[in-house]
PDB file of all heavy atoms in Angstrom:
ATOM      1  N   GLN A   1      16.965 154.674  53.652  1.00  0.00           N
ATOM      2  CA  GLN A   1      16.319 153.821  52.651  1.00  0.00           C
ATOM      3  C   GLN A   1      14.847 154.192  52.438  1.00  0.00           C
ATOM      4  O   GLN A   1      14.108 153.461  51.790  1.00  0.00           O
ATOM      5  CB  GLN A   1      16.430 152.350  53.068  1.00  0.00           C
ATOM      6  CG  GLN A   1      17.846 151.865  53.302  1.00  0.00           C
ATOM      7  CD  GLN A   1      18.745 152.107  52.101  1.00  0.00           C
ATOM      8  OE1 GLN A   1      18.447 151.669  50.991  1.00  0.00           O
ATOM      9  NE2 GLN A   1      19.848 152.822  52.310  1.00  0.00           N
ATOM     10  N   MET A   2      14.429 155.344  52.995  1.00  0.00           N
ATOM     11  CA  MET A   2      13.037 155.765  52.891  1.00  0.00           C
ATOM     12  C   MET A   2      12.871 156.892  51.874  1.00  0.00           C
ATOM     13  O   MET A   2      13.840 157.524  51.446  1.00  0.00           O
ATOM     14  CB  MET A   2      12.521 156.208  54.272  1.00  0.00           C
ATOM     15  CG  MET A   2      12.466 155.065  55.274  1.00  0.00           C
ATOM     16  SD  MET A   2      11.931 155.573  56.934  1.00  0.00           S
ATOM     17  CE  MET A   2      10.182 155.843  56.662  1.00  0.00           C
ATOM     18  N   ALA A   3      11.652 157.133  51.503  1.00  0.00           N
ATOM     19  CA  ALA A   3      11.327 158.148  50.502  1.00  0.00           C
ATOM     20  C   ALA A   3      11.610 159.554  51.036  1.00  0.00           C
ATOM     21  O   ALA A   3      11.574 159.786  52.248  1.00  0.00           O
ATOM     22  CB  ALA A   3       9.857 158.029  50.111  1.00  0.00           C
ATOM     23  N   PRO A   4      11.879 160.504  50.128  1.00  0.00           N
ATOM     24  CA  PRO A   4      12.082 161.893  50.570  1.00  0.00           C
ATOM     25  C   PRO A   4      10.821 162.452  51.229  1.00  0.00           C
ATOM     26  O   PRO A   4       9.702 162.020  50.930  1.00  0.00           O
ATOM     27  CB  PRO A   4      12.380 162.643  49.260  1.00  0.00           C
ATOM     28  CG  PRO A   4      12.787 161.593  48.281  1.00  0.00           C
ATOM     29  CD  PRO A   4      12.055 160.352  48.674  1.00  0.00           C
ATOM     30  N   ALA A   5      11.031 163.408  52.118  1.00  0.00           N
ATOM     31  CA  ALA A   5       9.902 164.150  52.676  1.00  0.00           C
ATOM     32  C   ALA A   5       9.475 165.193  51.646  1.00  0.00           C
ATOM     33  O   ALA A   5      10.295 165.694  50.868  1.00  0.00           O
ATOM     34  CB  ALA A   5      10.304 164.826  53.981  1.00  0.00           C
ATOM     35  N   ILE A   6       8.181 165.497  51.618  1.00  0.00           N
ATOM     36  CA  ILE A   6       7.662 166.515  50.696  1.00  0.00           C
ATOM     37  C   ILE A   6       7.098 167.662  51.523  1.00  0.00           C
ATOM     38  O   ILE A   6       6.267 167.453  52.411  1.00  0.00           O
ATOM     39  CB  ILE A   6       6.585 165.935  49.760  1.00  0.00           C
ATOM     40  CG1 ILE A   6       7.177 164.797  48.916  1.00  0.00           C
ATOM     41  CG2 ILE A   6       6.016 167.029  48.863  1.00  0.00           C
ATOM     42  CD1 ILE A   6       6.173 164.076  48.050  1.00  0.00           C
ATOM     43  N   LEU A   7       7.572 168.859  51.241  1.00  0.00           N
ATOM     44  CA  LEU A   7       7.133 170.033  51.986  1.00  0.00           C
ATOM     45  C   LEU A   7       6.497 171.043  51.041  1.00  0.00           C
ATOM     46  O   LEU A   7       7.000 171.269  49.931  1.00  0.00           O
ATOM     47  CB  LEU A   7       8.305 170.691  52.713  1.00  0.00           C
ATOM     48  CG  LEU A   7       9.003 169.847  53.793  1.00  0.00           C
ATOM     49  CD1 LEU A   7      10.179 169.094  53.224  1.00  0.00           C
ATOM     50  CD2 LEU A   7       9.473 170.734  54.925  1.00  0.00           C
ATOM     51  N   ASP A   8       5.408 171.617  51.466  1.00  0.00           N
ATOM     52  CA  ASP A   8       4.800 172.732  50.751  1.00  0.00           C
ATOM     53  C   ASP A   8       5.353 174.019  51.345  1.00  0.00           C
ATOM     54  O   ASP A   8       5.251 174.243  52.557  1.00  0.00           O
ATOM     55  CB  ASP A   8       3.276 172.704  50.907  1.00  0.00           C
ATOM     56  CG  ASP A   8       2.639 171.673  49.978  1.00  0.00           C
ATOM     57  OD1 ASP A   8       3.262 171.340  48.954  1.00  0.00           O
ATOM     58  OD2 ASP A   8       1.529 171.207  50.285  1.00  0.00           O
ATOM     59  N   THR A   9       5.959 174.854  50.504  1.00  0.00           N
ATOM     60  CA  THR A   9       6.504 176.124  50.991  1.00  0.00           C
ATOM     61  C   THR A   9       5.754 177.290  50.350  1.00  0.00           C
ATOM     62  O   THR A   9       5.328 177.215  49.192  1.00  0.00           O
ATOM     63  CB  THR A   9       8.004 176.244  50.684  1.00  0.00           C
ATOM     64  OG1 THR A   9       8.197 176.253  49.264  1.00  0.00           O
ATOM     65  CG2 THR A   9       8.782 175.090  51.289  1.00  0.00           C
ATOM     66  N   VAL A  10       5.612 178.359  51.124  1.00  0.00           N
ATOM     67  CA  VAL A  10       4.931 179.568  50.643  1.00  0.00           C
ATOM     68  C   VAL A  10       5.786 180.779  51.016  1.00  0.00           C
ATOM     69  O   VAL A  10       6.239 180.899  52.157  1.00  0.00           O
ATOM     70  CB  VAL A  10       3.532 179.725  51.284  1.00  0.00           C
ATOM     71  CG1 VAL A  10       2.834 180.962  50.708  1.00  0.00           C
ATOM     72  CG2 VAL A  10       2.686 178.490  51.062  1.00  0.00           C
ATOM     73  N   THR A  11       6.031 181.660  50.049  1.00  0.00           N
ATOM     74  CA  THR A  11       6.717 182.927  50.299  1.00  0.00           C
ATOM     75  C   THR A  11       5.766 184.053  49.913  1.00  0.00           C
ATOM     76  O   THR A  11       5.270 184.093  48.774  1.00  0.00           O
ATOM     77  CB  THR A  11       8.016 183.035  49.480  1.00  0.00           C
ATOM     78  OG1 THR A  11       8.871 181.941  49.827  1.00  0.00           O
ATOM     79  CG2 THR A  11       8.737 184.342  49.762  1.00  0.00           C
ATOM     80  N   VAL A  12       5.504 184.952  50.851  1.00  0.00           N
ATOM     81  CA  VAL A  12       4.549 186.041  50.628  1.00  0.00           C
ATOM     82  C   VAL A  12       5.243 187.376  50.841  1.00  0.00           C
ATOM     83  O   VAL A  12       5.875 187.595  51.887  1.00  0.00           O
ATOM     84  CB  VAL A  12       3.338 185.922  51.592  1.00  0.00           C
ATOM     85  CG1 VAL A  12       2.362 187.077  51.363  1.00  0.00           C
ATOM     86  CG2 VAL A  12       2.643 184.582  51.420  1.00  0.00           C
ATOM     87  N   ASP A  13       5.167 188.263  49.863  1.00  0.00           N
ATOM     88  CA  ASP A  13       5.681 189.623  49.992  1.00  0.00           C
ATOM     89  C   ASP A  13       4.522 190.577  50.245  1.00  0.00           C
ATOM     90  O   ASP A  13       3.524 190.574  49.508  1.00  0.00           O
ATOM     91  CB  ASP A  13       6.426 190.049  48.727  1.00  0.00           C
ATOM     92  CG  ASP A  13       7.786 189.394  48.612  1.00  0.00           C
ATOM     93  OD1 ASP A  13       8.266 188.866  49.626  1.00  0.00           O
ATOM     94  OD2 ASP A  13       8.364 189.400  47.512  1.00  0.00           O
ATOM     95  N   LEU A  14       4.661 191.402  51.298  1.00  0.00           N
ATOM     96  CA  LEU A  14       3.638 192.382  51.656  1.00  0.00           C
ATOM     97  C   LEU A  14       4.251 193.773  51.539  1.00  0.00           C
ATOM     98  O   LEU A  14       5.356 194.006  52.054  1.00  0.00           O
ATOM     99  CB  LEU A  14       3.131 192.144  53.088  1.00  0.00           C
ATOM    100  CG  LEU A  14       2.563 190.742  53.370  1.00  0.00           C
ATOM    101  CD1 LEU A  14       3.585 189.891  54.111  1.00  0.00           C
ATOM    102  CD2 LEU A  14       1.270 190.828  54.176  1.00  0.00           C
ATOM    103  N   VAL A  15       3.560 194.688  50.865  1.00  0.00           N
ATOM    104  CA  VAL A  15       4.137 195.992  50.542  1.00  0.00           C
ATOM    105  C   VAL A  15       3.278 197.112  51.112  1.00  0.00           C
ATOM    106  O   VAL A  15       2.042 197.071  51.061  1.00  0.00           O
ATOM    107  CB  VAL A  15       4.286 196.150  49.013  1.00  0.00           C
ATOM    108  CG1 VAL A  15       4.798 197.544  48.667  1.00  0.00           C
ATOM    109  CG2 VAL A  15       5.229 195.093  48.460  1.00  0.00           C
ATOM    110  N   ASN A  16       3.980 198.122  51.658  1.00  0.00           N
ATOM    111  CA  ASN A  16       3.336 199.335  52.156  1.00  0.00           C
ATOM    112  C   ASN A  16       4.222 200.510  51.768  1.00  0.00           C
ATOM    113  O   ASN A  16       5.333 200.670  52.288  1.00  0.00           O
ATOM    114  CB  ASN A  16       3.169 199.258  53.682  1.00  0.00           C
ATOM    115  CG  ASN A  16       2.521 200.488  54.275  1.00  0.00           C
ATOM    116  OD1 ASN A  16       2.772 201.612  53.864  1.00  0.00           O
ATOM    117  ND2 ASN A  16       1.693 200.273  55.286  1.00  0.00           N
ATOM    118  N   ASN A  17       3.738 201.314  50.807  1.00  0.00           N
ATOM    119  CA  ASN A  17       4.473 202.506  50.373  1.00  0.00           C
ATOM    120  C   ASN A  17       5.927 202.178  50.010  1.00  0.00           C
ATOM    121  O   ASN A  17       6.876 202.801  50.491  1.00  0.00           O
ATOM    122  CB  ASN A  17       4.423 203.574  51.474  1.00  0.00           C
ATOM    123  CG  ASN A  17       4.767 204.966  50.947  1.00  0.00           C
ATOM    124  OD1 ASN A  17       4.671 205.217  49.742  1.00  0.00           O
ATOM    125  ND2 ASN A  17       5.176 205.854  51.836  1.00  0.00           N
ATOM    126  N   ASP A  18       6.102 201.163  49.171  1.00  0.00           N
ATOM    127  CA  ASP A  18       7.409 200.693  48.674  1.00  0.00           C
ATOM    128  C   ASP A  18       8.275 200.001  49.728  1.00  0.00           C
ATOM    129  O   ASP A  18       9.431 199.685  49.471  1.00  0.00           O
ATOM    130  CB  ASP A  18       8.224 201.839  48.055  1.00  0.00           C
ATOM    131  CG  ASP A  18       7.640 202.300  46.728  1.00  0.00           C
ATOM    132  OD1 ASP A  18       6.813 201.551  46.160  1.00  0.00           O
ATOM    133  OD2 ASP A  18       7.996 203.392  46.270  1.00  0.00           O
ATOM    134  N   VAL A  19       7.735 199.781  50.921  1.00  0.00           N
ATOM    135  CA  VAL A  19       8.448 199.008  51.943  1.00  0.00           C
ATOM    136  C   VAL A  19       7.946 197.567  51.880  1.00  0.00           C
ATOM    137  O   VAL A  19       6.736 197.322  51.931  1.00  0.00           O
ATOM    138  CB  VAL A  19       8.215 199.583  53.350  1.00  0.00           C
ATOM    139  CG1 VAL A  19       8.882 198.696  54.401  1.00  0.00           C
ATOM    140  CG2 VAL A  19       8.755 200.998  53.442  1.00  0.00           C
ATOM    141  N   ARG A  20       8.887 196.635  51.761  1.00  0.00           N
ATOM    142  CA  ARG A  20       8.492 195.233  51.569  1.00  0.00           C
ATOM    143  C   ARG A  20       8.836 194.393  52.802  1.00  0.00           C
ATOM    144  O   ARG A  20       9.980 194.394  53.266  1.00  0.00           O
ATOM    145  CB  ARG A  20       9.198 194.658  50.341  1.00  0.00           C
ATOM    146  CG  ARG A  20       8.851 193.200  50.082  1.00  0.00           C
ATOM    147  CD  ARG A  20       9.172 192.739  48.667  1.00  0.00           C
ATOM    148  NE  ARG A  20      10.455 193.184  48.175  1.00  0.00           N
ATOM    149  CZ  ARG A  20      11.220 192.471  47.330  1.00  0.00           C
ATOM    150  NH1 ARG A  20      10.806 191.290  46.913  1.00  0.00           N
ATOM    151  NH2 ARG A  20      12.367 192.951  46.901  1.00  0.00           N
ATOM    152  N   PHE A  21       7.841 193.682  53.304  1.00  0.00           N
ATOM    153  CA  PHE A  21       8.031 192.675  54.344  1.00  0.00           C
ATOM    154  C   PHE A  21       7.829 191.301  53.702  1.00  0.00           C
ATOM    155  O   PHE A  21       7.138 191.184  52.683  1.00  0.00           O
ATOM    156  CB  PHE A  21       7.030 192.874  55.488  1.00  0.00           C
ATOM    157  CG  PHE A  21       7.452 193.907  56.502  1.00  0.00           C
ATOM    158  CD1 PHE A  21       7.728 195.225  56.133  1.00  0.00           C
ATOM    159  CD2 PHE A  21       7.575 193.558  57.838  1.00  0.00           C
ATOM    160  CE1 PHE A  21       8.106 196.167  57.063  1.00  0.00           C
ATOM    161  CE2 PHE A  21       7.953 194.500  58.788  1.00  0.00           C
ATOM    162  CZ  PHE A  21       8.221 195.806  58.403  1.00  0.00           C
ATOM    163  N   ARG A  22       8.435 190.273  54.300  1.00  0.00           N
ATOM    164  CA  ARG A  22       8.309 188.923  53.733  1.00  0.00           C
ATOM    165  C   ARG A  22       7.946 187.923  54.823  1.00  0.00           C
ATOM    166  O   ARG A  22       8.508 187.937  55.920  1.00  0.00           O
ATOM    167  CB  ARG A  22       9.603 188.494  53.046  1.00  0.00           C
ATOM    168  CG  ARG A  22       9.595 187.068  52.538  1.00  0.00           C
ATOM    169  CD  ARG A  22      10.742 186.794  51.573  1.00  0.00           C
ATOM    170  NE  ARG A  22      10.494 187.437  50.274  1.00  0.00           N
ATOM    171  CZ  ARG A  22      11.317 187.340  49.222  1.00  0.00           C
ATOM    172  NH1 ARG A  22      12.447 186.654  49.340  1.00  0.00           N
ATOM    173  NH2 ARG A  22      11.032 187.943  48.081  1.00  0.00           N
ATOM    174  N   ALA A  23       7.000 187.052  54.499  1.00  0.00           N
ATOM    175  CA  ALA A  23       6.599 185.958  55.394  1.00  0.00           C
ATOM    176  C   ALA A  23       6.862 184.638  54.686  1.00  0.00           C
ATOM    177  O   ALA A  23       6.569 184.492  53.494  1.00  0.00           O
ATOM    178  CB  ALA A  23       5.123 186.075  55.761  1.00  0.00           C
ATOM    179  N   ASN A  24       7.437 183.687  55.409  1.00  0.00           N
ATOM    180  CA  ASN A  24       7.705 182.358  54.864  1.00  0.00           C
ATOM    181  C   ASN A  24       6.929 181.314  55.649  1.00  0.00           C
ATOM    182  O   ASN A  24       6.897 181.342  56.879  1.00  0.00           O
ATOM    183  CB  ASN A  24       9.199 182.035  54.941  1.00  0.00           C
ATOM    184  CG  ASN A  24      10.019 182.886  53.995  1.00  0.00           C
ATOM    185  OD1 ASN A  24       9.808 182.862  52.790  1.00  0.00           O
ATOM    186  ND2 ASN A  24      10.942 183.665  54.535  1.00  0.00           N
ATOM    187  N   GLY A  25       6.342 180.413  54.936  1.00  0.00           N
ATOM    188  CA  GLY A  25       5.624 179.317  55.583  1.00  0.00           C
ATOM    189  C   GLY A  25       6.025 177.995  54.961  1.00  0.00           C
ATOM    190  O   GLY A  25       6.395 177.926  53.781  1.00  0.00           O
ATOM    191  N   SER A  26       5.993 176.959  55.742  1.00  0.00           N
ATOM    192  CA  SER A  26       6.263 175.620  55.208  1.00  0.00           C
ATOM    193  C   SER A  26       5.469 174.606  56.003  1.00  0.00           C
ATOM    194  O   SER A  26       5.214 174.799  57.197  1.00  0.00           O
ATOM    195  CB  SER A  26       7.759 175.289  55.277  1.00  0.00           C
ATOM    196  OG  SER A  26       8.182 175.202  56.612  1.00  0.00           O
ATOM    197  N   GLN A  27       5.084 173.568  55.330  1.00  0.00           N
ATOM    198  CA  GLN A  27       4.283 172.535  55.971  1.00  0.00           C
ATOM    199  C   GLN A  27       4.688 171.180  55.407  1.00  0.00           C
ATOM    200  O   GLN A  27       4.863 171.033  54.195  1.00  0.00           O
ATOM    201  CB  GLN A  27       2.789 172.786  55.720  1.00  0.00           C
ATOM    202  CG  GLN A  27       1.873 171.826  56.466  1.00  0.00           C
ATOM    203  CD  GLN A  27       0.412 172.181  56.297  1.00  0.00           C
ATOM    204  OE1 GLN A  27       0.081 173.117  55.573  1.00  0.00           O
ATOM    205  NE2 GLN A  27      -0.462 171.454  56.942  1.00  0.00           N
ATOM    206  N   VAL A  28       4.895 170.221  56.289  1.00  0.00           N
ATOM    207  CA  VAL A  28       5.243 168.873  55.838  1.00  0.00           C
ATOM    208  C   VAL A  28       4.002 168.224  55.238  1.00  0.00           C
ATOM    209  O   VAL A  28       3.009 167.971  55.923  1.00  0.00           O
ATOM    210  CB  VAL A  28       5.792 168.018  57.001  1.00  0.00           C
ATOM    211  CG1 VAL A  28       6.087 166.604  56.515  1.00  0.00           C
ATOM    212  CG2 VAL A  28       7.051 168.647  57.584  1.00  0.00           C
ATOM    213  N   LYS A  29       4.076 167.971  53.936  1.00  0.00           N
ATOM    214  CA  LYS A  29       2.951 167.365  53.210  1.00  0.00           C
ATOM    215  C   LYS A  29       3.001 165.841  53.306  1.00  0.00           C
ATOM    216  O   LYS A  29       1.981 165.168  53.417  1.00  0.00           O
ATOM    217  CB  LYS A  29       3.022 167.817  51.750  1.00  0.00           C
ATOM    218  CG  LYS A  29       1.878 167.361  50.861  1.00  0.00           C
ATOM    219  CD  LYS A  29       2.078 167.956  49.468  1.00  0.00           C
ATOM    220  CE  LYS A  29       0.973 167.539  48.523  1.00  0.00           C
ATOM    221  NZ  LYS A  29       1.209 168.108  47.161  1.00  0.00           N
ATOM    222  N   PHE A  30       4.246 165.305  53.230  1.00  0.00           N
ATOM    223  CA  PHE A  30       4.457 163.852  53.363  1.00  0.00           C
ATOM    224  C   PHE A  30       5.734 163.654  54.166  1.00  0.00           C
ATOM    225  O   PHE A  30       6.804 164.131  53.786  1.00  0.00           O
ATOM    226  CB  PHE A  30       4.574 163.211  51.985  1.00  0.00           C
ATOM    227  CG  PHE A  30       4.987 161.755  52.023  1.00  0.00           C
ATOM    228  CD1 PHE A  30       4.159 160.792  52.589  1.00  0.00           C
ATOM    229  CD2 PHE A  30       6.211 161.355  51.498  1.00  0.00           C
ATOM    230  CE1 PHE A  30       4.542 159.456  52.635  1.00  0.00           C
ATOM    231  CE2 PHE A  30       6.601 160.025  51.531  1.00  0.00           C
ATOM    232  CZ  PHE A  30       5.755 159.075  52.109  1.00  0.00           C
ATOM    233  N   GLN A  31       5.643 162.940  55.283  1.00  0.00           N
ATOM    234  CA  GLN A  31       6.787 162.815  56.196  1.00  0.00           C
ATOM    235  C   GLN A  31       7.963 162.074  55.596  1.00  0.00           C
ATOM    236  O   GLN A  31       9.114 162.419  55.826  1.00  0.00           O
ATOM    237  CB  GLN A  31       6.344 162.106  57.480  1.00  0.00           C
ATOM    238  CG  GLN A  31       5.709 163.021  58.505  1.00  0.00           C
ATOM    239  CD  GLN A  31       5.505 162.282  59.802  1.00  0.00           C
ATOM    240  OE1 GLN A  31       4.760 161.303  59.858  1.00  0.00           O
ATOM    241  NE2 GLN A  31       6.152 162.746  60.851  1.00  0.00           N
ATOM    242  N   GLY A  32       7.702 161.025  54.833  1.00  0.00           N
ATOM    243  CA  GLY A  32       8.793 160.238  54.291  1.00  0.00           C
ATOM    244  C   GLY A  32       9.748 159.793  55.382  1.00  0.00           C
ATOM    245  O   GLY A  32       9.336 159.328  56.450  1.00  0.00           O
ATOM    246  N   PHE A  33      11.048 159.981  55.142  1.00  0.00           N
ATOM    247  CA  PHE A  33      12.075 159.542  56.100  1.00  0.00           C
ATOM    248  C   PHE A  33      11.958 160.248  57.445  1.00  0.00           C
ATOM    249  O   PHE A  33      12.425 159.725  58.464  1.00  0.00           O
ATOM    250  CB  PHE A  33      13.469 159.772  55.513  1.00  0.00           C
ATOM    251  CG  PHE A  33      13.885 161.217  55.500  1.00  0.00           C
ATOM    252  CD1 PHE A  33      14.578 161.776  56.569  1.00  0.00           C
ATOM    253  CD2 PHE A  33      13.569 162.038  54.422  1.00  0.00           C
ATOM    254  CE1 PHE A  33      14.954 163.100  56.564  1.00  0.00           C
ATOM    255  CE2 PHE A  33      13.937 163.368  54.418  1.00  0.00           C
ATOM    256  CZ  PHE A  33      14.627 163.902  55.486  1.00  0.00           C
ATOM    257  N   MET A  34      11.347 161.451  57.469  1.00  0.00           N
ATOM    258  CA  MET A  34      11.259 162.223  58.711  1.00  0.00           C
ATOM    259  C   MET A  34      10.394 161.520  59.757  1.00  0.00           C
ATOM    260  O   MET A  34      10.417 161.884  60.928  1.00  0.00           O
ATOM    261  CB  MET A  34      10.714 163.617  58.424  1.00  0.00           C
ATOM    262  CG  MET A  34      11.670 164.480  57.603  1.00  0.00           C
ATOM    263  SD  MET A  34      10.953 166.063  57.077  1.00  0.00           S
ATOM    264  CE  MET A  34      10.813 166.894  58.648  1.00  0.00           C
TER     265      MET A  34
END
């Protein structure tokens, strides 16, 4: 019966000579039901 949680997500692609790595980040912005 509580409000949804709100999360900020970030996806970052890092490239070196056409090789791609990916970093994912997330942070709880508003806990809501959590």
